[in-house]
Amino acid sequence: MTDMPTQLTTDFDAVLDRGDIAGALPLLAPHLARGFAEALFLSSSIPAGEDDAHAEADSFATLNHAAEKGYIPAIYAVGLCRLTGDRVEQDVSRAAAYFERASDAGYPPAMYEFGLALFHGNSVAKDVPRAVSLIRASAQAGDEYAREFLLAHSLDVGA
């Protein structure tokens, strides 16, 4: 397995798109048994637990475990949780560090989020040229939020 999405994610998404949550778990089972980070990340999106509070805590613990194993989308997702305070205490500084790590790996959504942090100086030193470069690279890789940001700020998307 790699630190970026593979066919497993494509297959998992296809099963969920059909509304077959019950069919998603058997797809992940052999990969979870081997501790693959991608499978951990995907399983964190399926609620399980005694109640909502336990399900959220378990979900974040699984997501965090996938991030600790170096799975880039999980690192980005933990950053989002830290940024918004979803399932964990809000910590914008730690969120920026997660976004930077995933951005350095070339993950477009993280490039956008870290670019925003740099653009606004949120818990990192403000660096508008680097921010625009990251956001532009994210847009060129297909991130629609990055594209909208560039257009809203009258910045060339393709330069």
Protein backbone atom coordinates (compact mmCIF):
# COMPACT_ATOMS: atom_id res chain seq x y z
CA MET A 1 0.00 0.00 0.00
CA THR A 2 1.08 3.57 -0.57
CA ASP A 3 0.61 6.82 1.29
CA MET A 4 -1.91 8.00 -1.31
CA PRO A 5 -5.28 6.57 -2.44
CA THR A 6 -5.23 3.34 -4.45
CA GLN A 7 -7.84 1.18 -6.16
CA LEU A 8 -9.10 0.27 -2.68
CA THR A 9 -10.41 3.81 -2.24
CA THR A 10 -12.02 3.76 -5.69
CA ASP A 11 -13.72 0.44 -4.93
CA PHE A 12 -14.80 1.57 -1.45
CA ASP A 13 -16.28 4.81 -2.83
CA ALA A 14 -18.17 2.87 -5.51
CA VAL A 15 -19.73 0.60 -2.87
CA LEU A 16 -20.74 3.58 -0.73
CA ASP A 17 -22.10 5.44 -3.77
CA ARG A 18 -24.48 2.52 -4.22
CA GLY A 19 -25.58 3.01 -0.61
CA ASP A 20 -24.16 -0.35 0.46
CA ILE A 21 -22.50 0.49 3.79
CA ALA A 22 -22.76 -3.16 4.84
CA GLY A 23 -20.82 -4.16 1.72
CA ALA A 24 -18.05 -1.66 2.43
CA LEU A 25 -16.75 -3.34 5.57
CA PRO A 26 -16.03 -6.76 3.99
CA LEU A 27 -14.11 -4.93 1.27
CA LEU A 28 -11.87 -3.39 3.93
CA ALA A 29 -11.60 -6.41 6.26
CA PRO A 30 -8.50 -8.11 4.78
CA HIS A 31 -6.68 -4.78 4.56
CA LEU A 32 -7.66 -3.84 8.13
CA ALA A 33 -6.36 -7.21 9.33
CA ARG A 34 -2.96 -6.27 7.90
CA GLY A 35 -3.16 -2.77 9.42
CA PHE A 36 -3.06 -0.89 6.11
CA ALA A 37 -3.36 2.84 6.70
CA GLU A 38 -5.62 3.42 3.70
CA ALA A 39 -8.13 0.87 5.03
CA LEU A 40 -7.96 2.45 8.49
CA PHE A 41 -8.66 5.84 6.95
CA LEU A 42 -11.62 4.53 4.97
CA SER A 43 -13.05 2.64 7.94
CA SER A 44 -12.95 5.81 10.04
CA SER A 45 -15.79 7.16 7.90
CA ILE A 46 -18.14 4.31 8.86
CA PRO A 47 -19.82 4.99 12.21
CA ALA A 48 -19.40 2.29 14.84
CA GLY A 49 -19.70 2.44 18.59
CA GLU A 50 -22.04 2.26 21.53
CA ASP A 51 -23.39 5.77 20.99
CA ASP A 52 -22.60 8.90 18.99
CA ALA A 53 -19.91 10.10 21.41
CA HIS A 54 -18.11 6.76 21.37
CA ALA A 55 -18.51 6.42 17.62
CA GLU A 56 -16.93 9.84 17.07
CA ALA A 57 -14.07 9.11 19.46
CA ASP A 58 -13.43 5.74 17.83
CA SER A 59 -13.64 7.28 14.37
CA PHE A 60 -11.08 9.96 15.22
CA ALA A 61 -8.78 7.44 16.90
CA THR A 62 -8.83 5.31 13.74
CA LEU A 63 -8.30 8.36 11.53
CA ASN A 64 -5.40 9.49 13.71
CA HIS A 65 -3.87 6.00 13.58
CA ALA A 66 -3.96 6.13 9.77
CA ALA A 67 -2.29 9.56 9.91
CA GLU A 68 0.40 8.25 12.26
CA LYS A 69 1.11 5.52 9.70
CA GLY A 70 1.76 8.26 7.12
CA TYR A 71 -1.38 8.03 4.98
CA ILE A 72 -1.55 11.48 3.40
CA PRO A 73 -5.37 11.86 3.10
CA ALA A 74 -5.61 10.92 6.80
CA ILE A 75 -3.00 13.52 7.73
CA TYR A 76 -5.04 16.10 5.84
CA ALA A 77 -8.28 14.92 7.49
CA VAL A 78 -6.77 15.18 10.96
CA GLY A 79 -5.72 18.71 10.04
CA LEU A 80 -9.32 19.53 9.12
CA CYS A 81 -10.53 18.11 12.44
CA ARG A 82 -7.96 20.23 14.29
CA LEU A 83 -8.86 23.32 12.26
CA THR A 84 -12.59 23.07 12.91
CA GLY A 85 -12.63 21.38 16.31
CA ASP A 86 -14.52 18.43 14.85
CA ARG A 87 -14.16 15.43 17.21
CA VAL A 88 -11.12 17.03 18.92
CA GLU A 89 -10.16 20.28 20.56
CA GLN A 90 -9.64 23.01 17.98
CA ASP A 91 -5.97 23.79 17.42
CA VAL A 92 -5.25 25.94 14.37
CA SER A 93 -1.50 25.74 14.86
CA ARG A 94 -1.49 21.94 14.85
CA ALA A 95 -3.88 21.97 11.89
CA ALA A 96 -1.41 24.05 9.91
CA ALA A 97 1.36 21.56 10.69
CA TYR A 98 -0.78 18.68 9.40
CA PHE A 99 -1.65 20.64 6.27
CA GLU A 100 1.99 21.48 5.67
CA ARG A 101 3.00 17.83 5.93
CA ALA A 102 0.29 16.69 3.50
CA SER A 103 1.01 19.66 1.24
CA ASP A 104 4.69 18.74 1.08
CA ALA A 105 3.56 15.31 -0.16
CA GLY A 106 1.69 17.01 -3.01
CA TYR A 107 -1.88 16.44 -1.78
CA PRO A 108 -3.95 19.17 -3.52
CA PRO A 109 -6.55 19.81 -0.79
CA ALA A 110 -3.76 20.20 1.77
CA MET A 111 -1.85 22.51 -0.55
CA TYR A 112 -4.94 24.71 -0.63
CA GLU A 113 -5.44 24.67 3.16
CA PHE A 114 -1.79 25.29 3.93
CA GLY A 115 -1.77 28.00 1.27
CA LEU A 116 -4.71 29.66 3.04
CA ALA A 117 -2.83 29.52 6.35
CA LEU A 118 0.18 31.17 4.70
CA PHE A 119 -1.99 33.72 2.88
CA HIS A 120 -3.69 34.87 6.09
CA GLY A 121 -0.82 34.20 8.50
CA ASN A 122 -2.97 31.80 10.54
CA SER A 123 -0.57 30.14 13.01
CA VAL A 124 2.26 30.38 10.47
CA ALA A 125 4.32 33.27 9.20
CA LYS A 126 2.45 35.11 6.47
CA ASP A 127 3.97 34.35 3.07
CA VAL A 128 1.68 35.48 0.26
CA PRO A 129 3.92 34.49 -2.69
CA ARG A 130 4.33 30.95 -1.35
CA ALA A 131 0.62 30.83 -0.50
CA VAL A 132 -0.41 31.80 -4.01
CA SER A 133 2.03 29.29 -5.48
CA LEU A 134 0.57 26.46 -3.37
CA ILE A 135 -3.03 27.47 -4.02
CA ARG A 136 -2.30 27.74 -7.73
CA ALA A 137 -0.70 24.27 -7.77
CA SER A 138 -3.73 22.91 -5.92
CA ALA A 139 -6.08 24.50 -8.47
CA GLN A 140 -4.05 23.11 -11.36
CA ALA A 141 -4.34 19.67 -9.76
CA GLY A 142 -8.12 20.03 -9.82
CA ASP A 143 -9.01 21.44 -6.41
CA GLU A 144 -12.13 23.51 -7.06
CA TYR A 145 -11.87 25.48 -3.79
CA ALA A 146 -8.39 26.61 -4.76
CA ARG A 147 -9.63 27.63 -8.19
CA GLU A 148 -12.49 29.63 -6.67
CA PHE A 149 -10.09 31.33 -4.25
CA LEU A 150 -7.79 32.41 -7.08
CA LEU A 151 -10.68 33.73 -9.13
CA ALA A 152 -12.19 35.55 -6.11
CA HIS A 153 -8.84 37.27 -5.49
CA SER A 154 -8.29 38.07 -9.17
CA LEU A 155 -5.25 35.81 -9.31
CA ASP A 156 -4.44 33.94 -12.50
CA VAL A 157 -5.30 30.27 -12.15
CA GLY A 158 -2.86 29.02 -14.75
CA ALA A 159 0.22 31.18 -14.34
